[in-house]
Full PDB file with SEQRES, HELIX, SHEET, SSBOND, CRYST1, ORIGX, SCALE, CONECT and MASTER records, all heavy atoms in Angstrom:
SEQRES   1 A   30  ARG ARG MET GLY ALA VAL PHE GLN THR PHE MET SER TYR          
SEQRES   2 A   30  ASP LEU THR ALA ALA GLU ASN ILE GLY ILE GLY ASP LEU          
SEQRES   3 A   30  PRO ALA LEU GLY                                              
HELIX    1 AA1 ALA A   17  GLY A   22  1                                   6    
HELIX    2 AA2 ILE A   23  ALA A   28  5                                   6    
CRYST1    1.000    1.000    1.000  90.00  90.00  90.00 P 1           1          
ORIGX1      1.000000  0.000000  0.000000        0.00000                         
ORIGX2      0.000000  1.000000  0.000000        0.00000                         
ORIGX3      0.000000  0.000000  1.000000        0.00000                         
SCALE1      1.000000  0.000000  0.000000        0.00000                         
SCALE2      0.000000  1.000000  0.000000        0.00000                         
SCALE3      0.000000  0.000000  1.000000        0.00000                         
ATOM      1  N   ARG A   1       2.907  12.127   0.861  1.00  0.00           N  
ATOM      2  CA  ARG A   1       1.746  11.731   1.683  1.00  0.00           C  
ATOM      3  C   ARG A   1       1.531  12.782   2.801  1.00  0.00           C  
ATOM      4  O   ARG A   1       0.426  12.710   3.341  1.00  0.00           O  
ATOM      5  CB  ARG A   1       1.963  10.310   2.202  1.00  0.00           C  
ATOM      6  CG  ARG A   1       1.674   9.259   1.185  1.00  0.00           C  
ATOM      7  CD  ARG A   1       1.480   7.868   1.831  1.00  0.00           C  
ATOM      8  NE  ARG A   1       2.774   7.350   2.312  1.00  0.00           N  
ATOM      9  CZ  ARG A   1       3.567   6.519   1.599  1.00  0.00           C  
ATOM     10  NH1 ARG A   1       3.297   6.291   0.331  1.00  0.00           N  
ATOM     11  NH2 ARG A   1       4.675   6.074   2.139  1.00  0.00           N  
ATOM     12  N   ARG A   2       2.459  13.560   3.076  1.00  0.00           N  
ATOM     13  CA  ARG A   2       2.328  14.626   4.047  1.00  0.00           C  
ATOM     14  C   ARG A   2       1.714  15.896   3.522  1.00  0.00           C  
ATOM     15  O   ARG A   2       1.550  16.872   4.206  1.00  0.00           O  
ATOM     16  CB  ARG A   2       3.703  14.984   4.726  1.00  0.00           C  
ATOM     17  CG  ARG A   2       4.322  13.832   5.503  1.00  0.00           C  
ATOM     18  CD  ARG A   2       3.683  13.684   6.824  1.00  0.00           C  
ATOM     19  NE  ARG A   2       4.130  12.556   7.538  1.00  0.00           N  
ATOM     20  CZ  ARG A   2       3.677  11.987   8.650  1.00  0.00           C  
ATOM     21  NH1 ARG A   2       2.530  12.535   9.106  1.00  0.00           N  
ATOM     22  NH2 ARG A   2       4.152  11.062   9.297  1.00  0.00           N  
ATOM     23  N   MET A   3       1.410  15.823   2.244  1.00  0.00           N  
ATOM     24  CA  MET A   3       0.853  17.037   1.581  1.00  0.00           C  
ATOM     25  C   MET A   3      -0.430  16.823   0.859  1.00  0.00           C  
ATOM     26  O   MET A   3      -0.724  15.779   0.377  1.00  0.00           O  
ATOM     27  CB  MET A   3       1.878  17.526   0.507  1.00  0.00           C  
ATOM     28  CG  MET A   3       3.165  17.943   1.083  1.00  0.00           C  
ATOM     29  SD  MET A   3       4.343  18.653  -0.210  1.00  0.00           S  
ATOM     30  CE  MET A   3       5.671  19.312   0.845  1.00  0.00           C  
ATOM     31  N   GLY A   4      -1.233  17.821   0.913  1.00  0.00           N  
ATOM     32  CA  GLY A   4      -2.450  17.866   0.058  1.00  0.00           C  
ATOM     33  C   GLY A   4      -2.283  19.012  -0.907  1.00  0.00           C  
ATOM     34  O   GLY A   4      -1.771  20.100  -0.501  1.00  0.00           O  
ATOM     35  N   ALA A   5      -2.707  18.902  -2.173  1.00  0.00           N  
ATOM     36  CA  ALA A   5      -2.407  19.963  -3.092  1.00  0.00           C  
ATOM     37  C   ALA A   5      -3.524  20.073  -4.170  1.00  0.00           C  
ATOM     38  O   ALA A   5      -4.087  19.051  -4.575  1.00  0.00           O  
ATOM     39  CB  ALA A   5      -1.080  19.742  -3.781  1.00  0.00           C  
ATOM     40  N   VAL A   6      -3.761  21.300  -4.583  1.00  0.00           N  
ATOM     41  CA  VAL A   6      -4.508  21.534  -5.825  1.00  0.00           C  
ATOM     42  C   VAL A   6      -3.590  22.328  -6.747  1.00  0.00           C  
ATOM     43  O   VAL A   6      -3.087  23.394  -6.319  1.00  0.00           O  
ATOM     44  CB  VAL A   6      -5.764  22.420  -5.527  1.00  0.00           C  
ATOM     45  CG1 VAL A   6      -6.509  22.699  -6.781  1.00  0.00           C  
ATOM     46  CG2 VAL A   6      -6.631  21.676  -4.547  1.00  0.00           C  
ATOM     47  N   PHE A   7      -3.373  21.839  -7.860  1.00  0.00           N  
ATOM     48  CA  PHE A   7      -2.467  22.501  -8.889  1.00  0.00           C  
ATOM     49  C   PHE A   7      -3.300  23.315  -9.846  1.00  0.00           C  
ATOM     50  O   PHE A   7      -4.411  23.033 -10.086  1.00  0.00           O  
ATOM     51  CB  PHE A   7      -1.595  21.476  -9.606  1.00  0.00           C  
ATOM     52  CG  PHE A   7      -0.619  20.738  -8.716  1.00  0.00           C  
ATOM     53  CD1 PHE A   7      -0.849  19.451  -8.329  1.00  0.00           C  
ATOM     54  CD2 PHE A   7       0.535  21.426  -8.209  1.00  0.00           C  
ATOM     55  CE1 PHE A   7      -0.007  18.790  -7.510  1.00  0.00           C  
ATOM     56  CE2 PHE A   7       1.367  20.756  -7.370  1.00  0.00           C  
ATOM     57  CZ  PHE A   7       1.126  19.412  -6.992  1.00  0.00           C  
ATOM     58  N   GLN A   8      -2.586  24.306 -10.427  1.00  0.00           N  
ATOM     59  CA  GLN A   8      -3.282  25.169 -11.388  1.00  0.00           C  
ATOM     60  C   GLN A   8      -3.782  24.365 -12.573  1.00  0.00           C  
ATOM     61  O   GLN A   8      -4.898  24.603 -13.136  1.00  0.00           O  
ATOM     62  CB  GLN A   8      -2.317  26.232 -11.811  1.00  0.00           C  
ATOM     63  CG  GLN A   8      -2.977  27.338 -12.729  1.00  0.00           C  
ATOM     64  CD  GLN A   8      -1.980  28.467 -12.932  1.00  0.00           C  
ATOM     65  OE1 GLN A   8      -0.789  28.380 -12.550  1.00  0.00           O  
ATOM     66  NE2 GLN A   8      -2.427  29.494 -13.617  1.00  0.00           N  
ATOM     67  N   THR A   9      -2.962  23.409 -13.002  1.00  0.00           N  
ATOM     68  CA  THR A   9      -3.362  22.478 -14.111  1.00  0.00           C  
ATOM     69  C   THR A   9      -3.860  21.189 -13.496  1.00  0.00           C  
ATOM     70  O   THR A   9      -3.158  20.148 -13.499  1.00  0.00           O  
ATOM     71  CB  THR A   9      -2.237  22.212 -15.089  1.00  0.00           C  
ATOM     72  OG1 THR A   9      -1.118  21.754 -14.326  1.00  0.00           O  
ATOM     73  CG2 THR A   9      -1.837  23.492 -15.753  1.00  0.00           C  
ATOM     74  N   PHE A  10      -5.075  21.229 -12.901  1.00  0.00           N  
ATOM     75  CA  PHE A  10      -5.568  20.035 -12.197  1.00  0.00           C  
ATOM     76  C   PHE A  10      -6.075  19.098 -13.205  1.00  0.00           C  
ATOM     77  O   PHE A  10      -6.367  19.388 -14.372  1.00  0.00           O  
ATOM     78  CB  PHE A  10      -6.699  20.375 -11.191  1.00  0.00           C  
ATOM     79  CG  PHE A  10      -7.844  21.188 -11.851  1.00  0.00           C  
ATOM     80  CD1 PHE A  10      -8.901  20.517 -12.398  1.00  0.00           C  
ATOM     81  CD2 PHE A  10      -7.817  22.575 -11.898  1.00  0.00           C  
ATOM     82  CE1 PHE A  10      -9.912  21.215 -13.009  1.00  0.00           C  
ATOM     83  CE2 PHE A  10      -8.893  23.277 -12.492  1.00  0.00           C  
ATOM     84  CZ  PHE A  10      -9.937  22.570 -13.051  1.00  0.00           C  
ATOM     85  N   MET A  11      -6.327  17.812 -12.815  1.00  0.00           N  
ATOM     86  CA  MET A  11      -6.792  16.735 -13.629  1.00  0.00           C  
ATOM     87  C   MET A  11      -8.244  16.451 -13.464  1.00  0.00           C  
ATOM     88  O   MET A  11      -8.881  16.646 -12.398  1.00  0.00           O  
ATOM     89  CB  MET A  11      -5.976  15.429 -13.320  1.00  0.00           C  
ATOM     90  CG  MET A  11      -4.580  15.401 -13.783  1.00  0.00           C  
ATOM     91  SD  MET A  11      -4.452  15.556 -15.573  1.00  0.00           S  
ATOM     92  CE  MET A  11      -5.329  14.037 -16.080  1.00  0.00           C  
ATOM     93  N   SER A  12      -8.904  16.043 -14.548  1.00  0.00           N  
ATOM     94  CA  SER A  12     -10.276  15.554 -14.498  1.00  0.00           C  
ATOM     95  C   SER A  12     -10.169  14.141 -15.040  1.00  0.00           C  
ATOM     96  O   SER A  12      -9.775  13.863 -16.199  1.00  0.00           O  
ATOM     97  CB  SER A  12     -11.182  16.403 -15.416  1.00  0.00           C  
ATOM     98  OG  SER A  12     -10.658  16.521 -16.689  1.00  0.00           O  
ATOM     99  N   TYR A  13     -10.584  13.188 -14.201  1.00  0.00           N  
ATOM    100  CA  TYR A  13     -10.467  11.720 -14.552  1.00  0.00           C  
ATOM    101  C   TYR A  13     -11.838  11.152 -14.990  1.00  0.00           C  
ATOM    102  O   TYR A  13     -12.860  11.553 -14.506  1.00  0.00           O  
ATOM    103  CB  TYR A  13      -9.989  11.004 -13.318  1.00  0.00           C  
ATOM    104  CG  TYR A  13      -8.622  11.393 -12.775  1.00  0.00           C  
ATOM    105  CD1 TYR A  13      -8.560  12.340 -11.713  1.00  0.00           C  
ATOM    106  CD2 TYR A  13      -7.489  10.978 -13.351  1.00  0.00           C  
ATOM    107  CE1 TYR A  13      -7.302  12.680 -11.221  1.00  0.00           C  
ATOM    108  CE2 TYR A  13      -6.229  11.377 -12.887  1.00  0.00           C  
ATOM    109  CZ  TYR A  13      -6.154  12.236 -11.851  1.00  0.00           C  
ATOM    110  OH  TYR A  13      -4.902  12.621 -11.365  1.00  0.00           O  
ATOM    111  N   ASP A  14     -11.762  10.267 -15.919  1.00  0.00           N  
ATOM    112  CA  ASP A  14     -12.919   9.542 -16.382  1.00  0.00           C  
ATOM    113  C   ASP A  14     -13.319   8.470 -15.404  1.00  0.00           C  
ATOM    114  O   ASP A  14     -13.235   7.301 -15.727  1.00  0.00           O  
ATOM    115  CB  ASP A  14     -12.688   8.956 -17.788  1.00  0.00           C  
ATOM    116  CG  ASP A  14     -12.659  10.036 -18.872  1.00  0.00           C  
ATOM    117  OD1 ASP A  14     -13.363  10.976 -18.783  1.00  0.00           O  
ATOM    118  OD2 ASP A  14     -11.739  10.012 -19.731  1.00  0.00           O  
ATOM    119  N   LEU A  15     -13.601   8.917 -14.211  1.00  0.00           N  
ATOM    120  CA  LEU A  15     -14.084   8.036 -13.113  1.00  0.00           C  
ATOM    121  C   LEU A  15     -15.389   8.576 -12.586  1.00  0.00           C  
ATOM    122  O   LEU A  15     -15.909   9.630 -13.028  1.00  0.00           O  
ATOM    123  CB  LEU A  15     -13.035   8.034 -12.020  1.00  0.00           C  
ATOM    124  CG  LEU A  15     -11.568   7.608 -12.379  1.00  0.00           C  
ATOM    125  CD1 LEU A  15     -10.646   7.946 -11.218  1.00  0.00           C  
ATOM    126  CD2 LEU A  15     -11.582   6.165 -12.817  1.00  0.00           C  
ATOM    127  N   THR A  16     -15.957   7.838 -11.571  1.00  0.00           N  
ATOM    128  CA  THR A  16     -17.188   8.415 -11.015  1.00  0.00           C  
ATOM    129  C   THR A  16     -16.849   9.621 -10.177  1.00  0.00           C  
ATOM    130  O   THR A  16     -15.645   9.879  -9.868  1.00  0.00           O  
ATOM    131  CB  THR A  16     -17.812   7.317 -10.077  1.00  0.00           C  
ATOM    132  OG1 THR A  16     -16.941   7.055  -9.009  1.00  0.00           O  
ATOM    133  CG2 THR A  16     -18.053   6.049 -10.868  1.00  0.00           C  
ATOM    134  N   ALA A  17     -17.886  10.402  -9.772  1.00  0.00           N  
ATOM    135  CA  ALA A  17     -17.657  11.536  -8.939  1.00  0.00           C  
ATOM    136  C   ALA A  17     -16.966  11.168  -7.629  1.00  0.00           C  
ATOM    137  O   ALA A  17     -16.072  11.848  -7.155  1.00  0.00           O  
ATOM    138  CB  ALA A  17     -18.930  12.297  -8.702  1.00  0.00           C  
ATOM    139  N   ALA A  18     -17.421  10.092  -7.046  1.00  0.00           N  
ATOM    140  CA  ALA A  18     -16.872   9.653  -5.781  1.00  0.00           C  
ATOM    141  C   ALA A  18     -15.408   9.218  -5.925  1.00  0.00           C  
ATOM    142  O   ALA A  18     -14.531   9.578  -5.097  1.00  0.00           O  
ATOM    143  CB  ALA A  18     -17.683   8.488  -5.222  1.00  0.00           C  
ATOM    144  N   GLU A  19     -15.068   8.566  -7.009  1.00  0.00           N  
ATOM    145  CA  GLU A  19     -13.701   8.126  -7.258  1.00  0.00           C  
ATOM    146  C   GLU A  19     -12.874   9.356  -7.559  1.00  0.00           C  
ATOM    147  O   GLU A  19     -11.647   9.385  -7.149  1.00  0.00           O  
ATOM    148  CB  GLU A  19     -13.631   7.144  -8.424  1.00  0.00           C  
ATOM    149  CG  GLU A  19     -14.257   5.811  -8.021  1.00  0.00           C  
ATOM    150  CD  GLU A  19     -14.401   4.913  -9.276  1.00  0.00           C  
ATOM    151  OE1 GLU A  19     -14.574   5.441 -10.408  1.00  0.00           O  
ATOM    152  OE2 GLU A  19     -14.382   3.665  -9.117  1.00  0.00           O  
ATOM    153  N   ASN A  20     -13.299  10.324  -8.311  1.00  0.00           N  
ATOM    154  CA  ASN A  20     -12.560  11.528  -8.544  1.00  0.00           C  
ATOM    155  C   ASN A  20     -12.154  12.245  -7.304  1.00  0.00           C  
ATOM    156  O   ASN A  20     -11.066  12.824  -7.280  1.00  0.00           O  
ATOM    157  CB  ASN A  20     -13.348  12.513  -9.453  1.00  0.00           C  
ATOM    158  CG  ASN A  20     -12.952  12.428 -10.909  1.00  0.00           C  
ATOM    159  OD1 ASN A  20     -11.952  12.860 -11.331  1.00  0.00           O  
ATOM    160  ND2 ASN A  20     -13.864  11.710 -11.674  1.00  0.00           N  
ATOM    161  N   ILE A  21     -12.905  12.170  -6.301  1.00  0.00           N  
ATOM    162  CA  ILE A  21     -12.588  12.772  -4.990  1.00  0.00           C  
ATOM    163  C   ILE A  21     -11.816  11.805  -4.108  1.00  0.00           C  
ATOM    164  O   ILE A  21     -10.775  12.202  -3.605  1.00  0.00           O  
ATOM    165  CB  ILE A  21     -13.847  13.243  -4.224  1.00  0.00           C  
ATOM    166  CG1 ILE A  21     -14.562  14.285  -5.049  1.00  0.00           C  
ATOM    167  CG2 ILE A  21     -13.489  13.766  -2.844  1.00  0.00           C  
ATOM    168  CD1 ILE A  21     -15.951  14.640  -4.487  1.00  0.00           C  
ATOM    169  N   GLY A  22     -12.244  10.512  -4.031  1.00  0.00           N  
ATOM    170  CA  GLY A  22     -11.645   9.593  -3.114  1.00  0.00           C  
ATOM    171  C   GLY A  22     -10.187   9.280  -3.427  1.00  0.00           C  
ATOM    172  O   GLY A  22      -9.445   8.944  -2.512  1.00  0.00           O  
ATOM    173  N   ILE A  23      -9.756   9.420  -4.733  1.00  0.00           N  
ATOM    174  CA  ILE A  23      -8.395   9.008  -5.044  1.00  0.00           C  
ATOM    175  C   ILE A  23      -7.389  10.038  -4.458  1.00  0.00           C  
ATOM    176  O   ILE A  23      -6.222   9.758  -4.447  1.00  0.00           O  
ATOM    177  CB  ILE A  23      -8.092   8.966  -6.536  1.00  0.00           C  
ATOM    178  CG1 ILE A  23      -8.495  10.195  -7.220  1.00  0.00           C  
ATOM    179  CG2 ILE A  23      -8.928   7.800  -7.084  1.00  0.00           C  
ATOM    180  CD1 ILE A  23      -8.180  10.328  -8.761  1.00  0.00           C  
ATOM    181  N   GLY A  24      -7.914  11.074  -3.830  1.00  0.00           N  
ATOM    182  CA  GLY A  24      -7.028  12.047  -3.113  1.00  0.00           C  
ATOM    183  C   GLY A  24      -6.394  11.348  -1.895  1.00  0.00           C  
ATOM    184  O   GLY A  24      -5.340  11.797  -1.362  1.00  0.00           O  
ATOM    185  N   ASP A  25      -7.020  10.334  -1.396  1.00  0.00           N  
ATOM    186  CA  ASP A  25      -6.479   9.443  -0.279  1.00  0.00           C  
ATOM    187  C   ASP A  25      -6.936   7.982  -0.510  1.00  0.00           C  
ATOM    188  O   ASP A  25      -7.957   7.605  -0.057  1.00  0.00           O  
ATOM    189  CB  ASP A  25      -7.035  10.005   1.013  1.00  0.00           C  
ATOM    190  CG  ASP A  25      -6.345   9.351   2.232  1.00  0.00           C  
ATOM    191  OD1 ASP A  25      -5.406   8.567   2.059  1.00  0.00           O  
ATOM    192  OD2 ASP A  25      -6.760   9.566   3.381  1.00  0.00           O  
ATOM    193  N   LEU A  26      -6.097   7.297  -1.271  1.00  0.00           N  
ATOM    194  CA  LEU A  26      -6.478   5.977  -1.799  1.00  0.00           C  
ATOM    195  C   LEU A  26      -6.965   5.037  -0.686  1.00  0.00           C  
ATOM    196  O   LEU A  26      -7.986   4.273  -0.851  1.00  0.00           O  
ATOM    197  CB  LEU A  26      -5.356   5.349  -2.574  1.00  0.00           C  
ATOM    198  CG  LEU A  26      -5.182   5.757  -4.016  1.00  0.00           C  
ATOM    199  CD1 LEU A  26      -4.005   5.038  -4.646  1.00  0.00           C  
ATOM    200  CD2 LEU A  26      -6.498   5.316  -4.775  1.00  0.00           C  
ATOM    201  N   PRO A  27      -6.402   5.056   0.502  1.00  0.00           N  
ATOM    202  CA  PRO A  27      -6.916   4.092   1.536  1.00  0.00           C  
ATOM    203  C   PRO A  27      -8.370   4.427   1.885  1.00  0.00           C  
ATOM    204  O   PRO A  27      -9.030   3.522   2.439  1.00  0.00           O  
ATOM    205  CB  PRO A  27      -5.908   4.359   2.735  1.00  0.00           C  
ATOM    206  CG  PRO A  27      -4.693   4.772   2.088  1.00  0.00           C  
ATOM    207  CD  PRO A  27      -5.095   5.597   0.921  1.00  0.00           C  
ATOM    208  N   ALA A  28      -8.809   5.668   1.639  1.00  0.00           N  
ATOM    209  CA  ALA A  28     -10.221   5.999   1.980  1.00  0.00           C  
ATOM    210  C   ALA A  28     -11.057   6.076   0.825  1.00  0.00           C  
ATOM    211  O   ALA A  28     -12.123   6.697   0.876  1.00  0.00           O  
ATOM    212  CB  ALA A  28     -10.111   7.324   2.728  1.00  0.00           C  
ATOM    213  N   LEU A  29     -10.605   5.482  -0.297  1.00  0.00           N  
ATOM    214  CA  LEU A  29     -11.398   5.544  -1.549  1.00  0.00           C  
ATOM    215  C   LEU A  29     -12.839   5.138  -1.432  1.00  0.00           C  
ATOM    216  O   LEU A  29     -13.718   5.682  -1.957  1.00  0.00           O  
ATOM    217  CB  LEU A  29     -10.741   4.724  -2.663  1.00  0.00           C  
ATOM    218  CG  LEU A  29     -11.420   4.698  -4.038  1.00  0.00           C  
ATOM    219  CD1 LEU A  29     -11.498   6.146  -4.612  1.00  0.00           C  
ATOM    220  CD2 LEU A  29     -10.674   3.778  -4.994  1.00  0.00           C  
ATOM    221  N   GLY A  30     -13.045   4.102  -0.618  1.00  0.00           N  
ATOM    222  CA  GLY A  30     -14.438   3.552  -0.424  1.00  0.00           C  
ATOM    223  C   GLY A  30     -15.163   4.193   0.729  1.00  0.00           C  
ATOM    224  O   GLY A  30     -16.297   3.789   1.001  1.00  0.00           O  
TER     225      GLY A  30                                                      
MASTER        0    0    0    2    0    0    0    6  224    1    0    3          
END                                                                             
């Protein structure tokens, strides 16, 4: 939780655009 990261093999999720970004910090998803 102390780290933010982008990995070379990043994921693309079958979610909305907002959810694809928001899940980077679940408490702030909405």
